[in-house]
Amino acid sequence: MKLNNKLLRILQEKESYCKNMELYANYNTLPITKLHCFQILYIIHKFIYHKKLLPKFFIITLLRIYKIHDYDTRNKNNLHLSTVMVLGQ
């Protein structure tokens, strides 16, 4: 993250006291951590509203995580991230 910010400062010829969000705003992008969250939410949005636009791999994986059990609980329909998906195994 620091290296990325430093690179943006060099490319834009800004001083070290320049705010990071200003650097990203000039390129109309997000910091890496926010970009990662945005991409995950984008995939989940497609899964909920536009399943046909997703590759089958995502649909199968998200269905497996989305439907963790069949018995009734308050959190039955919540999205449950498993350690398998987080670790990418």
C-alpha atoms as a PDB file:
ATOM      1  CA  MET A   1       0.000   0.000   0.000  1.00  0.00           C
ATOM      2  CA  LYS A   2       2.803   2.375   0.904  1.00  0.00           C
ATOM      3  CA  LEU A   3       4.627   1.568  -2.298  1.00  0.00           C
ATOM      4  CA  ASN A   4       1.502   2.141  -4.341  1.00  0.00           C
ATOM      5  CA  ASN A   5       0.925   5.528  -2.675  1.00  0.00           C
ATOM      6  CA  LYS A   6       4.555   6.467  -3.240  1.00  0.00           C
ATOM      7  CA  LEU A   7       4.275   5.547  -6.910  1.00  0.00           C
ATOM      8  CA  LEU A   8       1.156   7.709  -7.304  1.00  0.00           C
ATOM      9  CA  ARG A   9       2.964  10.646  -5.657  1.00  0.00           C
ATOM     10  CA  ILE A  10       5.890  10.267  -8.053  1.00  0.00           C
ATOM     11  CA  LEU A  11       3.654   9.977 -11.133  1.00  0.00           C
ATOM     12  CA  GLN A  12       1.635  13.031 -10.153  1.00  0.00           C
ATOM     13  CA  GLU A  13       4.659  14.986  -8.870  1.00  0.00           C
ATOM     14  CA  LYS A  14       2.978  15.648  -5.513  1.00  0.00           C
ATOM     15  CA  GLU A  15       4.613  16.398  -2.182  1.00  0.00           C
ATOM     16  CA  SER A  16       4.716  13.821   0.620  1.00  0.00           C
ATOM     17  CA  TYR A  17       2.065  15.694   2.637  1.00  0.00           C
ATOM     18  CA  CYS A  18      -0.542  15.279  -0.110  1.00  0.00           C
ATOM     19  CA  LYS A  19      -3.576  13.267   1.001  1.00  0.00           C
ATOM     20  CA  ASN A  20      -3.812   9.734  -0.335  1.00  0.00           C
ATOM     21  CA  MET A  21      -7.445  10.019  -1.396  1.00  0.00           C
ATOM     22  CA  GLU A  22      -6.542  12.998  -3.570  1.00  0.00           C
ATOM     23  CA  LEU A  23      -3.965  10.844  -5.348  1.00  0.00           C
ATOM     24  CA  TYR A  24      -6.527   8.153  -6.098  1.00  0.00           C
ATOM     25  CA  ALA A  25      -9.212  10.687  -7.052  1.00  0.00           C
ATOM     26  CA  ASN A  26      -6.937  12.163  -9.722  1.00  0.00           C
ATOM     27  CA  TYR A  27      -6.781   8.736 -11.404  1.00  0.00           C
ATOM     28  CA  ASN A  28     -10.444   7.983 -10.665  1.00  0.00           C
ATOM     29  CA  THR A  29      -9.625   4.758  -8.820  1.00  0.00           C
ATOM     30  CA  LEU A  30      -9.726   3.293  -5.311  1.00  0.00           C
ATOM     31  CA  PRO A  31      -6.992   2.215  -2.906  1.00  0.00           C
ATOM     32  CA  ILE A  32      -6.167  -1.481  -3.159  1.00  0.00           C
ATOM     33  CA  THR A  33      -8.059  -2.515  -0.014  1.00  0.00           C
ATOM     34  CA  LYS A  34     -11.216  -0.663  -1.054  1.00  0.00           C
ATOM     35  CA  LEU A  35     -10.884  -1.934  -4.610  1.00  0.00           C
ATOM     36  CA  HIS A  36     -10.737  -5.501  -3.291  1.00  0.00           C
ATOM     37  CA  CYS A  37     -13.906  -4.978  -1.218  1.00  0.00           C
ATOM     38  CA  PHE A  38     -15.612  -3.352  -4.198  1.00  0.00           C
ATOM     39  CA  GLN A  39     -14.848  -6.340  -6.436  1.00  0.00           C
ATOM     40  CA  ILE A  40     -16.189  -8.805  -3.862  1.00  0.00           C
ATOM     41  CA  LEU A  41     -19.385  -6.800  -3.444  1.00  0.00           C
ATOM     42  CA  TYR A  42     -19.707  -6.529  -7.226  1.00  0.00           C
ATOM     43  CA  ILE A  43     -19.565 -10.324  -7.569  1.00  0.00           C
ATOM     44  CA  ILE A  44     -22.075 -10.815  -4.745  1.00  0.00           C
ATOM     45  CA  HIS A  45     -24.411  -8.259  -6.349  1.00  0.00           C
ATOM     46  CA  LYS A  46     -24.245 -10.163  -9.620  1.00  0.00           C
ATOM     47  CA  PHE A  47     -24.889 -13.415  -7.743  1.00  0.00           C
ATOM     48  CA  ILE A  48     -28.037 -12.015  -6.145  1.00  0.00           C
ATOM     49  CA  TYR A  49     -29.478 -10.024  -9.060  1.00  0.00           C
ATOM     50  CA  HIS A  50     -27.816 -11.224 -12.305  1.00  0.00           C
ATOM     51  CA  LYS A  51     -26.742 -14.852 -11.935  1.00  0.00           C
ATOM     52  CA  LYS A  52     -26.616 -15.390 -15.700  1.00  0.00           C
ATOM     53  CA  LEU A  53     -23.714 -12.936 -16.017  1.00  0.00           C
ATOM     54  CA  LEU A  54     -21.460 -14.952 -13.691  1.00  0.00           C
ATOM     55  CA  PRO A  55     -19.303 -17.911 -14.695  1.00  0.00           C
ATOM     56  CA  LYS A  56     -20.569 -21.274 -13.400  1.00  0.00           C
ATOM     57  CA  PHE A  57     -17.618 -21.567 -11.006  1.00  0.00           C
ATOM     58  CA  PHE A  58     -18.749 -18.495  -9.049  1.00  0.00           C
ATOM     59  CA  ILE A  59     -22.358 -19.626  -8.988  1.00  0.00           C
ATOM     60  CA  ILE A  60     -21.487 -23.085  -7.655  1.00  0.00           C
ATOM     61  CA  THR A  61     -19.072 -21.706  -5.052  1.00  0.00           C
ATOM     62  CA  LEU A  62     -21.382 -18.940  -3.868  1.00  0.00           C
ATOM     63  CA  LEU A  63     -24.388 -21.271  -3.714  1.00  0.00           C
ATOM     64  CA  ARG A  64     -22.386 -23.626  -1.527  1.00  0.00           C
ATOM     65  CA  ILE A  65     -21.446 -20.766   0.808  1.00  0.00           C
ATOM     66  CA  TYR A  66     -24.833 -19.012   0.630  1.00  0.00           C
ATOM     67  CA  LYS A  67     -26.770 -22.102   1.589  1.00  0.00           C
ATOM     68  CA  ILE A  68     -24.780 -23.426   4.527  1.00  0.00           C
ATOM     69  CA  HIS A  69     -27.635 -25.457   6.063  1.00  0.00           C
ATOM     70  CA  ASP A  70     -31.308 -26.261   5.506  1.00  0.00           C
ATOM     71  CA  TYR A  71     -32.719 -25.983   8.996  1.00  0.00           C
ATOM     72  CA  ASP A  72     -34.363 -22.728  10.084  1.00  0.00           C
ATOM     73  CA  THR A  73     -32.238 -20.214  11.952  1.00  0.00           C
ATOM     74  CA  ARG A  74     -32.051 -16.421  11.930  1.00  0.00           C
ATOM     75  CA  ASN A  75     -28.841 -16.490   9.882  1.00  0.00           C
ATOM     76  CA  LYS A  76     -29.865 -19.219   7.458  1.00  0.00           C
ATOM     77  CA  ASN A  77     -29.986 -16.927   4.424  1.00  0.00           C
ATOM     78  CA  ASN A  78     -26.943 -14.830   5.283  1.00  0.00           C
ATOM     79  CA  LEU A  79     -23.784 -15.141   3.240  1.00  0.00           C
ATOM     80  CA  HIS A  80     -21.295 -17.257   5.216  1.00  0.00           C
ATOM     81  CA  LEU A  81     -17.688 -16.917   4.173  1.00  0.00           C
ATOM     82  CA  SER A  82     -15.875 -20.136   4.761  1.00  0.00           C
ATOM     83  CA  THR A  83     -12.142 -20.432   5.389  1.00  0.00           C
ATOM     84  CA  VAL A  84     -11.884 -22.421   2.159  1.00  0.00           C
ATOM     85  CA  MET A  85     -13.005 -19.442   0.066  1.00  0.00           C
ATOM     86  CA  VAL A  86     -10.974 -16.917   2.057  1.00  0.00           C
ATOM     87  CA  LEU A  87      -7.784 -18.957   1.684  1.00  0.00           C
ATOM     88  CA  GLY A  88      -8.522 -19.667  -1.951  1.00  0.00           C
ATOM     89  CA  GLN A  89      -8.268 -23.436  -1.652  1.00  0.00           C
END
